[in-house]
PDB file of N, CA and C in Angstrom:
ATOM      1  N   MET A   1     -74.729-215.503 -24.112  1.00  0.00           N
ATOM      2  CA  MET A   1     -74.458-215.769 -25.508  1.00  0.00           C
ATOM      3  C   MET A   1     -73.009-216.207 -25.652  1.00  0.00           C
ATOM      4  N   ALA A   2     -72.806-217.380 -26.159  1.00  0.00           N
ATOM      5  CA  ALA A   2     -71.465-217.929 -26.305  1.00  0.00           C
ATOM      6  C   ALA A   2     -70.834-217.426 -27.601  1.00  0.00           C
ATOM      7  N   THR A   3     -69.554-217.117 -27.516  1.00  0.00           N
ATOM      8  CA  THR A   3     -68.831-216.697 -28.721  1.00  0.00           C
ATOM      9  C   THR A   3     -67.941-217.833 -29.173  1.00  0.00           C
ATOM     10  N   LYS A   4     -67.839-217.940 -30.469  1.00  0.00           N
ATOM     11  CA  LYS A   4     -66.974-218.981 -31.029  1.00  0.00           C
ATOM     12  C   LYS A   4     -65.575-218.406 -31.225  1.00  0.00           C
ATOM     13  N   GLU A   5     -64.605-219.100 -30.710  1.00  0.00           N
ATOM     14  CA  GLU A   5     -63.235-218.690 -30.916  1.00  0.00           C
ATOM     15  C   GLU A   5     -62.716-219.367 -32.166  1.00  0.00           C
ATOM     16  N   LYS A   6     -62.050-218.597 -32.977  1.00  0.00           N
ATOM     17  CA  LYS A   6     -61.477-219.159 -34.193  1.00  0.00           C
ATOM     18  C   LYS A   6     -60.194-219.897 -33.819  1.00  0.00           C
ATOM     19  N   LYS A   7     -60.130-221.154 -34.175  1.00  0.00           N
ATOM     20  CA  LYS A   7     -58.961-221.963 -33.859  1.00  0.00           C
ATOM     21  C   LYS A   7     -57.814-221.569 -34.777  1.00  0.00           C
ATOM     22  N   HIS A   8     -56.701-221.239 -34.194  1.00  0.00           N
ATOM     23  CA  HIS A   8     -55.534-220.836 -34.961  1.00  0.00           C
ATOM     24  C   HIS A   8     -54.699-222.073 -35.281  1.00  0.00           C
ATOM     25  N   GLU A   9     -54.527-222.320 -36.559  1.00  0.00           N
ATOM     26  CA  GLU A   9     -53.705-223.451 -36.981  1.00  0.00           C
ATOM     27  C   GLU A   9     -52.290-222.970 -37.251  1.00  0.00           C
ATOM     28  N   ALA A  10     -51.330-223.790 -36.938  1.00  0.00           N
ATOM     29  CA  ALA A  10     -49.936-223.446 -37.193  1.00  0.00           C
ATOM     30  C   ALA A  10     -49.680-223.436 -38.692  1.00  0.00           C
ATOM     31  N   SER A  11     -48.855-222.508 -39.120  1.00  0.00           N
ATOM     32  CA  SER A  11     -48.502-222.454 -40.535  1.00  0.00           C
ATOM     33  C   SER A  11     -46.986-222.554 -40.672  1.00  0.00           C
ATOM     34  N   TYR A  12     -46.560-223.102 -41.785  1.00  0.00           N
ATOM     35  CA  TYR A  12     -45.147-223.403 -41.991  1.00  0.00           C
ATOM     36  C   TYR A  12     -44.704-222.951 -43.374  1.00  0.00           C
ATOM     37  N   LEU A  13     -43.415-222.730 -43.522  1.00  0.00           N
ATOM     38  CA  LEU A  13     -42.839-222.403 -44.814  1.00  0.00           C
ATOM     39  C   LEU A  13     -42.669-223.668 -45.651  1.00  0.00           C
ATOM     40  N   LYS A  14     -42.434-223.475 -46.922  1.00  0.00           N
ATOM     41  CA  LYS A  14     -42.257-224.576 -47.873  1.00  0.00           C
ATOM     42  C   LYS A  14     -41.168-225.560 -47.410  1.00  0.00           C
ATOM     43  N   GLY A  15     -40.064-225.048 -46.912  1.00  0.00           N
ATOM     44  CA  GLY A  15     -38.953-225.899 -46.480  1.00  0.00           C
ATOM     45  C   GLY A  15     -39.343-226.874 -45.379  1.00  0.00           C
ATOM     46  N   ALA A  16     -40.226-226.461 -44.498  1.00  0.00           N
ATOM     47  CA  ALA A  16     -40.667-227.347 -43.421  1.00  0.00           C
ATOM     48  C   ALA A  16     -41.438-228.538 -43.987  1.00  0.00           C
ATOM     49  N   PHE A  17     -42.253-228.293 -45.008  1.00  0.00           N
ATOM     50  CA  PHE A  17     -42.991-229.395 -45.631  1.00  0.00           C
ATOM     51  C   PHE A  17     -42.056-230.311 -46.414  1.00  0.00           C
ATOM     52  N   LEU A  18     -41.023-229.745 -47.018  1.00  0.00           N
ATOM     53  CA  LEU A  18     -40.059-230.564 -47.759  1.00  0.00           C
ATOM     54  C   LEU A  18     -39.269-231.477 -46.830  1.00  0.00           C
ATOM     55  N   ARG A  19     -39.062-231.053 -45.583  1.00  0.00           N
ATOM     56  CA  ARG A  19     -38.329-231.872 -44.601  1.00  0.00           C
ATOM     57  C   ARG A  19     -39.241-232.787 -43.795  1.00  0.00           C
ATOM     58  N   SER A  20     -40.534-232.640 -43.950  1.00  0.00           N
ATOM     59  CA  SER A  20     -41.497-233.384 -43.150  1.00  0.00           C
ATOM     60  C   SER A  20     -41.543-234.866 -43.518  1.00  0.00           C
ATOM     61  N   ARG A  21     -41.629-235.711 -42.502  1.00  0.00           N
ATOM     62  CA  ARG A  21     -41.805-237.152 -42.745  1.00  0.00           C
ATOM     63  C   ARG A  21     -43.197-237.455 -43.277  1.00  0.00           C
ATOM     64  N   ILE A  22     -44.165-236.666 -42.901  1.00  0.00           N
ATOM     65  CA  ILE A  22     -45.547-236.890 -43.342  1.00  0.00           C
ATOM     66  C   ILE A  22     -45.671-236.760 -44.857  1.00  0.00           C
ATOM     67  N   PHE A  23     -44.937-235.828 -45.432  1.00  0.00           N
ATOM     68  CA  PHE A  23     -45.040-235.556 -46.867  1.00  0.00           C
ATOM     69  C   PHE A  23     -43.825-236.048 -47.648  1.00  0.00           C
ATOM     70  N   LYS A  24     -43.109-237.027 -47.129  1.00  0.00           N
ATOM     71  CA  LYS A  24     -41.864-237.443 -47.776  1.00  0.00           C
ATOM     72  C   LYS A  24     -42.067-238.014 -49.178  1.00  0.00           C
ATOM     73  N   TYR A  25     -43.230-238.562 -49.480  1.00  0.00           N
ATOM     74  CA  TYR A  25     -43.463-239.124 -50.807  1.00  0.00           C
ATOM     75  C   TYR A  25     -43.994-238.090 -51.801  1.00  0.00           C
ATOM     76  N   GLN A  26     -44.296-236.891 -51.324  1.00  0.00           N
ATOM     77  CA  GLN A  26     -44.804-235.831 -52.191  1.00  0.00           C
ATOM     78  C   GLN A  26     -43.833-234.655 -52.294  1.00  0.00           C
ATOM     79  N   ARG A  27     -42.581-234.853 -51.912  1.00  0.00           N
ATOM     80  CA  ARG A  27     -41.620-233.742 -51.873  1.00  0.00           C
ATOM     81  C   ARG A  27     -41.458-233.045 -53.217  1.00  0.00           C
ATOM     82  N   ASP A  28     -41.359-233.792 -54.308  1.00  0.00           N
ATOM     83  CA  ASP A  28     -41.186-233.171 -55.620  1.00  0.00           C
ATOM     84  C   ASP A  28     -42.387-232.308 -55.986  1.00  0.00           C
ATOM     85  N   LEU A  29     -43.569-232.808 -55.715  1.00  0.00           N
ATOM     86  CA  LEU A  29     -44.787-232.063 -56.022  1.00  0.00           C
ATOM     87  C   LEU A  29     -44.915-230.828 -55.127  1.00  0.00           C
ATOM     88  N   ILE A  30     -44.598-230.972 -53.855  1.00  0.00           N
ATOM     89  CA  ILE A  30     -44.623-229.834 -52.935  1.00  0.00           C
ATOM     90  C   ILE A  30     -43.646-228.766 -53.394  1.00  0.00           C
ATOM     91  N   ASP A  31     -42.464-229.178 -53.810  1.00  0.00           N
ATOM     92  CA  ASP A  31     -41.459-228.238 -54.280  1.00  0.00           C
ATOM     93  C   ASP A  31     -41.955-227.474 -55.506  1.00  0.00           C
ATOM     94  N   ALA A  32     -42.744-228.126 -56.334  1.00  0.00           N
ATOM     95  CA  ALA A  32     -43.249-227.498 -57.552  1.00  0.00           C
ATOM     96  C   ALA A  32     -44.436-226.572 -57.318  1.00  0.00           C
ATOM     97  N   ILE A  33     -45.316-226.906 -56.373  1.00  0.00           N
ATOM     98  CA  ILE A  33     -46.564-226.134 -56.258  1.00  0.00           C
ATOM     99  C   ILE A  33     -46.577-225.073 -55.158  1.00  0.00           C
ATOM    100  N   LEU A  34     -45.703-225.185 -54.161  1.00  0.00           N
ATOM    101  CA  LEU A  34     -45.702-224.187 -53.092  1.00  0.00           C
ATOM    102  C   LEU A  34     -44.740-223.049 -53.406  1.00  0.00           C
ATOM    103  N   GLU A  35     -45.103-221.847 -52.966  1.00  0.00           N
ATOM    104  CA  GLU A  35     -44.241-220.682 -53.138  1.00  0.00           C
ATOM    105  C   GLU A  35     -43.229-220.633 -51.997  1.00  0.00           C
ATOM    106  N   ASP A  36     -42.039-220.138 -52.279  1.00  0.00           N
ATOM    107  CA  ASP A  36     -40.948-220.153 -51.304  1.00  0.00           C
ATOM    108  C   ASP A  36     -41.209-219.346 -50.043  1.00  0.00           C
ATOM    109  N   ASP A  37     -41.707-218.143 -50.146  1.00  0.00           N
ATOM    110  CA  ASP A  37     -41.814-217.251 -48.983  1.00  0.00           C
ATOM    111  C   ASP A  37     -43.215-217.175 -48.392  1.00  0.00           C
ATOM    112  N   LYS A  38     -44.081-218.069 -48.775  1.00  0.00           N
ATOM    113  CA  LYS A  38     -45.453-218.077 -48.271  1.00  0.00           C
ATOM    114  C   LYS A  38     -45.601-219.181 -47.225  1.00  0.00           C
ATOM    115  N   THR A  39     -46.440-218.935 -46.207  1.00  0.00           N
ATOM    116  CA  THR A  39     -46.682-219.957 -45.198  1.00  0.00           C
ATOM    117  C   THR A  39     -48.000-220.669 -45.494  1.00  0.00           C
ATOM    118  N   TYR A  40     -48.066-221.942 -45.132  1.00  0.00           N
ATOM    119  CA  TYR A  40     -49.224-222.791 -45.388  1.00  0.00           C
ATOM    120  C   TYR A  40     -49.539-223.615 -44.149  1.00  0.00           C
ATOM    121  N   THR A  41     -50.813-223.917 -43.957  1.00  0.00           N
ATOM    122  CA  THR A  41     -51.209-224.861 -42.920  1.00  0.00           C
ATOM    123  C   THR A  41     -51.133-226.264 -43.518  1.00  0.00           C
ATOM    124  N   VAL A  42     -51.152-227.263 -42.672  1.00  0.00           N
ATOM    125  CA  VAL A  42     -51.123-228.651 -43.143  1.00  0.00           C
ATOM    126  C   VAL A  42     -52.354-228.924 -44.008  1.00  0.00           C
ATOM    127  N   LYS A  43     -53.503-228.432 -43.592  1.00  0.00           N
ATOM    128  CA  LYS A  43     -54.746-228.622 -44.346  1.00  0.00           C
ATOM    129  C   LYS A  43     -54.650-227.995 -45.734  1.00  0.00           C
ATOM    130  N   GLU A  44     -54.082-226.795 -45.825  1.00  0.00           N
ATOM    131  CA  GLU A  44     -53.923-226.137 -47.121  1.00  0.00           C
ATOM    132  C   GLU A  44     -53.036-226.953 -48.058  1.00  0.00           C
ATOM    133  N   VAL A  45     -51.950-227.482 -47.527  1.00  0.00           N
ATOM    134  CA  VAL A  45     -51.032-228.275 -48.354  1.00  0.00           C
ATOM    135  C   VAL A  45     -51.710-229.568 -48.791  1.00  0.00           C
ATOM    136  N   GLU A  46     -52.418-230.217 -47.888  1.00  0.00           N
ATOM    137  CA  GLU A  46     -53.138-231.439 -48.263  1.00  0.00           C
ATOM    138  C   GLU A  46     -54.152-231.150 -49.364  1.00  0.00           C
ATOM    139  N   ASP A  47     -54.883-230.042 -49.255  1.00  0.00           N
ATOM    140  CA  ASP A  47     -55.860-229.673 -50.279  1.00  0.00           C
ATOM    141  C   ASP A  47     -55.196-229.355 -51.615  1.00  0.00           C
ATOM    142  N   LEU A  48     -54.076-228.634 -51.581  1.00  0.00           N
ATOM    143  CA  LEU A  48     -53.350-228.323 -52.814  1.00  0.00           C
ATOM    144  C   LEU A  48     -52.816-229.589 -53.487  1.00  0.00           C
ATOM    145  N   LEU A  49     -52.308-230.506 -52.679  1.00  0.00           N
ATOM    146  CA  LEU A  49     -51.804-231.769 -53.232  1.00  0.00           C
ATOM    147  C   LEU A  49     -52.933-232.568 -53.884  1.00  0.00           C
ATOM    148  N   GLN A  50     -54.070-232.668 -53.210  1.00  0.00           N
ATOM    149  CA  GLN A  50     -55.198-233.411 -53.773  1.00  0.00           C
ATOM    150  C   GLN A  50     -55.692-232.769 -55.066  1.00  0.00           C
ATOM    151  N   LYS A  51     -55.767-231.458 -55.088  1.00  0.00           N
ATOM    152  CA  LYS A  51     -56.207-230.746 -56.289  1.00  0.00           C
ATOM    153  C   LYS A  51     -55.249-231.021 -57.455  1.00  0.00           C
ATOM    154  N   GLU A  52     -53.962-230.984 -57.169  1.00  0.00           N
ATOM    155  CA  GLU A  52     -52.959-231.207 -58.214  1.00  0.00           C
ATOM    156  C   GLU A  52     -52.949-232.661 -58.685  1.00  0.00           C
ATOM    157  N   LEU A  53     -53.142-233.595 -57.773  1.00  0.00           N
ATOM    158  CA  LEU A  53     -53.153-235.011 -58.146  1.00  0.00           C
ATOM    159  C   LEU A  53     -54.384-235.389 -58.952  1.00  0.00           C
ATOM    160  N   LYS A  54     -55.475-234.662 -58.774  1.00  0.00           N
ATOM    161  CA  LYS A  54     -56.712-234.941 -59.521  1.00  0.00           C
ATOM    162  C   LYS A  54     -56.759-234.218 -60.871  1.00  0.00           C
ATOM    163  N   ARG A  55     -55.820-233.317 -61.090  1.00  0.00           N
ATOM    164  CA  ARG A  55     -55.786-232.521 -62.305  1.00  0.00           C
ATOM    165  C   ARG A  55     -55.519-233.417 -63.518  1.00  0.00           C
ATOM    166  N   LYS A  56     -56.246-233.141 -64.589  1.00  0.00           N
ATOM    167  CA  LYS A  56     -56.039-233.901 -65.827  1.00  0.00           C
ATOM    168  C   LYS A  56     -54.810-233.356 -66.531  1.00  0.00           C
ATOM    169  N   VAL A  57     -53.986-234.250 -67.047  1.00  0.00           N
ATOM    170  CA  VAL A  57     -52.780-233.858 -67.749  1.00  0.00           C
ATOM    171  C   VAL A  57     -53.081-233.810 -69.237  1.00  0.00           C
ATOM    172  N   GLU A  58     -52.738-232.694 -69.836  1.00  0.00           N
ATOM    173  CA  GLU A  58     -52.951-232.555 -71.273  1.00  0.00           C
ATOM    174  C   GLU A  58     -51.651-232.826 -72.000  1.00  0.00           C
ATOM    175  N   CYS A  59     -51.728-233.589 -73.059  1.00  0.00           N
ATOM    176  CA  CYS A  59     -50.533-233.917 -73.842  1.00  0.00           C
ATOM    177  C   CYS A  59     -50.426-233.033 -75.056  1.00  0.00           C
TER     178      CYS A  59
END
């Protein structure tokens, strides 16, 4: 019986994403939506960015 190993993804602090070349065009949004002392995976940040970009703005 084969067991599935859970793949561990690297997680980073908010500052690492703010300095990242991959997210250089979303720095302001990342600064606004991520918490300072929490770590995030790249997938989590991409999902949060997409969710925020699809959000309807109320005037």
